[in-house]
Every structure is written in C-alpha cells, then in structure tokens.
Amino acid sequence: MNMIIPSLIEAIVGSVLLFHHAGAPFMGIFLGSLLAFLAFTRTAAKVLVFNFYNLQARQNFVAKQKEQDKILDFLVTESLSNYFLVKHFNAEKIELAKYESVLNVNRLLKTLTLLEIS
C-alpha cells in the first residue's frame, strides 16, 4: 500500500500535465502504456511466484529423495555385509527379502522422479 499511493499520485499528476500541455491523445497514450505495464507486471509476478513455490516444492522433493537414498545406501551396505554373516545361520532368504523391499522403494522413488520431471 505504501508504494501504490505515491505511484497513483504520480500517474494523476502526469496525466493532468500531459493533458494540459500536449492534449488528450498523449494523455491517452500515457495511460494506455501505464495500464499495459501494470497488466504485464501483475502477470509476470504471478508466474514468478508460481515458479518460486514450484521450485521450493521440487527442492523439498529432491531433499526427501536424497534422504531416502542415504537410507537405501546404508541398508544395502548393511544387508550385503550381514548376508555373508548370516549365511552360516540359514537366513539368506530373510536378508534377501529385506534388500529387495528397500530396492523396490528406491525404484518407486526413481519412477516418481522421472514422471515429475517430464
């Protein structure tokens, strides 16, 4: 609101001066270009605000995906190291099932990422 009132006063003073010194056609051109500028600025501001929020959502999604990748890397490393350890105790199937479930979650995240990007 602080920026609107001085700009409005300036537009009114400019219109009056143009009408007085140059006539109605020049005042019309001035007001038309002012309205066109305001319409363009408002449209551009909406697009920029939308892109800003869209960018934030994308950054949040990428951060969550990186966190999931860290968890996946840890679990894969743990599963592979435990696989050889539990091999002697007949628990390969359990460890393999745990690894496959984590791998399926990662595949789902990669698919969602590809779908969101395109």
Protein backbone atom coordinates (compact mmCIF):
# COMPACT_ATOMS: atom_id res chain seq x y z
CA MET A 1 0.00 0.00 0.00
CA ASN A 2 2.94 2.31 0.66
CA MET A 3 4.06 2.04 -2.97
CA ILE A 4 0.59 2.34 -4.53
CA ILE A 5 -0.36 5.81 -3.26
CA PRO A 6 2.79 7.67 -4.49
CA SER A 7 2.59 5.87 -7.84
CA LEU A 8 -1.10 6.75 -8.17
CA ILE A 9 -0.40 10.41 -7.37
CA GLU A 10 2.42 10.43 -9.92
CA ALA A 11 0.15 8.93 -12.61
CA ILE A 12 -2.56 11.51 -11.90
CA VAL A 13 -0.11 14.44 -11.97
CA GLY A 14 1.49 13.11 -15.16
CA SER A 15 -1.90 12.68 -16.81
CA VAL A 16 -3.01 16.19 -15.89
CA LEU A 17 0.24 17.75 -17.12
CA LEU A 18 0.15 15.79 -20.39
CA PHE A 19 -3.48 16.75 -20.96
CA HIS A 20 -2.75 20.40 -20.25
CA HIS A 21 0.45 20.71 -22.32
CA ALA A 22 0.09 18.07 -25.08
CA GLY A 23 -3.60 17.24 -25.30
CA ALA A 24 -5.88 14.26 -24.82
CA PRO A 25 -4.18 11.89 -27.33
CA PHE A 26 -0.86 11.99 -25.45
CA MET A 27 -2.60 11.55 -22.13
CA GLY A 28 -4.40 8.51 -23.58
CA ILE A 29 -1.13 7.03 -24.80
CA PHE A 30 0.42 7.60 -21.37
CA LEU A 31 -2.48 5.96 -19.51
CA GLY A 32 -2.67 3.09 -22.01
CA SER A 33 1.02 2.30 -21.68
CA LEU A 34 0.76 2.60 -17.90
CA LEU A 35 -2.14 0.13 -17.80
CA ALA A 36 -0.31 -2.24 -20.18
CA PHE A 37 2.76 -2.10 -17.93
CA LEU A 38 0.67 -2.80 -14.82
CA ALA A 39 -1.07 -5.76 -16.51
CA PHE A 40 2.27 -7.19 -17.66
CA THR A 41 3.86 -6.73 -14.24
CA ARG A 42 0.95 -8.40 -12.48
CA THR A 43 1.03 -11.37 -14.86
CA ALA A 44 4.81 -11.71 -14.57
CA ALA A 45 4.59 -11.53 -10.78
CA LYS A 46 2.04 -14.37 -10.71
CA VAL A 47 4.27 -16.51 -12.93
CA LEU A 48 7.34 -15.79 -10.80
CA VAL A 49 5.50 -16.54 -7.56
CA PHE A 50 4.19 -19.81 -9.03
CA ASN A 51 7.67 -20.78 -10.22
CA PHE A 52 9.13 -19.89 -6.81
CA TYR A 53 6.70 -22.17 -4.95
CA ASN A 54 7.12 -24.84 -7.60
CA LEU A 55 10.89 -24.60 -7.14
CA GLN A 56 10.55 -24.93 -3.38
CA ALA A 57 8.34 -28.00 -3.75
CA ARG A 58 10.87 -29.54 -6.14
CA GLN A 59 13.73 -28.80 -3.73
CA ASN A 60 11.79 -30.40 -0.87
CA PHE A 61 11.11 -33.45 -3.02
CA VAL A 62 14.78 -33.76 -4.01
CA ALA A 63 15.85 -33.39 -0.36
CA LYS A 64 13.48 -36.18 0.67
CA GLN A 65 14.74 -38.34 -2.18
CA LYS A 66 18.36 -37.78 -1.12
CA GLU A 67 17.43 -38.76 2.43
CA GLN A 68 15.81 -41.94 1.09
CA ASP A 69 18.95 -42.63 -0.97
CA LYS A 70 21.11 -42.31 2.15
CA ILE A 71 18.87 -44.76 3.98
CA LEU A 72 18.95 -47.10 1.00
CA ASP A 73 22.75 -46.96 0.79
CA PHE A 74 23.04 -47.73 4.49
CA LEU A 75 20.60 -50.63 4.30
CA VAL A 76 22.20 -52.06 1.17
CA THR A 77 25.63 -51.96 2.77
CA GLU A 78 24.27 -53.46 5.96
CA SER A 79 22.34 -56.14 4.09
CA LEU A 80 25.31 -57.17 1.99
CA SER A 81 27.65 -57.30 4.96
CA ASN A 82 25.09 -59.20 7.01
CA TYR A 83 24.36 -61.58 4.13
CA PHE A 84 27.73 -63.25 4.47
CA LEU A 85 27.47 -63.25 8.24
CA VAL A 86 24.02 -64.86 8.38
CA LYS A 87 24.78 -67.21 5.51
CA HIS A 88 26.12 -69.62 8.08
CA PHE A 89 22.83 -69.47 10.02
CA ASN A 90 20.45 -70.15 7.05
CA ALA A 91 18.94 -66.63 7.00
CA GLU A 92 19.79 -65.68 3.41
CA LYS A 93 16.14 -65.54 2.39
CA ILE A 94 15.24 -63.09 5.14
CA GLU A 95 18.15 -60.81 4.33
CA LEU A 96 17.43 -61.02 0.61
CA ALA A 97 13.75 -60.11 1.19
CA LYS A 98 14.80 -57.06 3.25
CA TYR A 99 17.16 -55.93 0.49
CA GLU A 100 14.52 -56.41 -2.22
CA SER A 101 11.90 -54.40 -0.31
CA VAL A 102 14.30 -51.46 0.08
CA LEU A 103 15.28 -51.72 -3.56
CA ASN A 104 11.62 -51.65 -4.64
CA VAL A 105 11.04 -48.44 -2.65
CA ASN A 106 14.02 -46.88 -4.39
CA ARG A 107 12.73 -47.94 -7.82
CA LEU A 108 9.37 -46.37 -7.00
CA LEU A 109 11.04 -43.09 -5.99
CA LYS A 110 13.12 -43.02 -9.18
CA THR A 111 9.97 -43.63 -11.26
CA LEU A 112 8.12 -40.81 -9.48
CA THR A 113 11.06 -38.50 -10.07
CA LEU A 114 11.14 -39.30 -13.78
CA LEU A 115 7.40 -38.76 -14.05
CA GLU A 116 7.61 -35.41 -12.23
CA ILE A 117 10.49 -34.14 -14.35
CA SER A 118 8.79 -34.93 -17.65
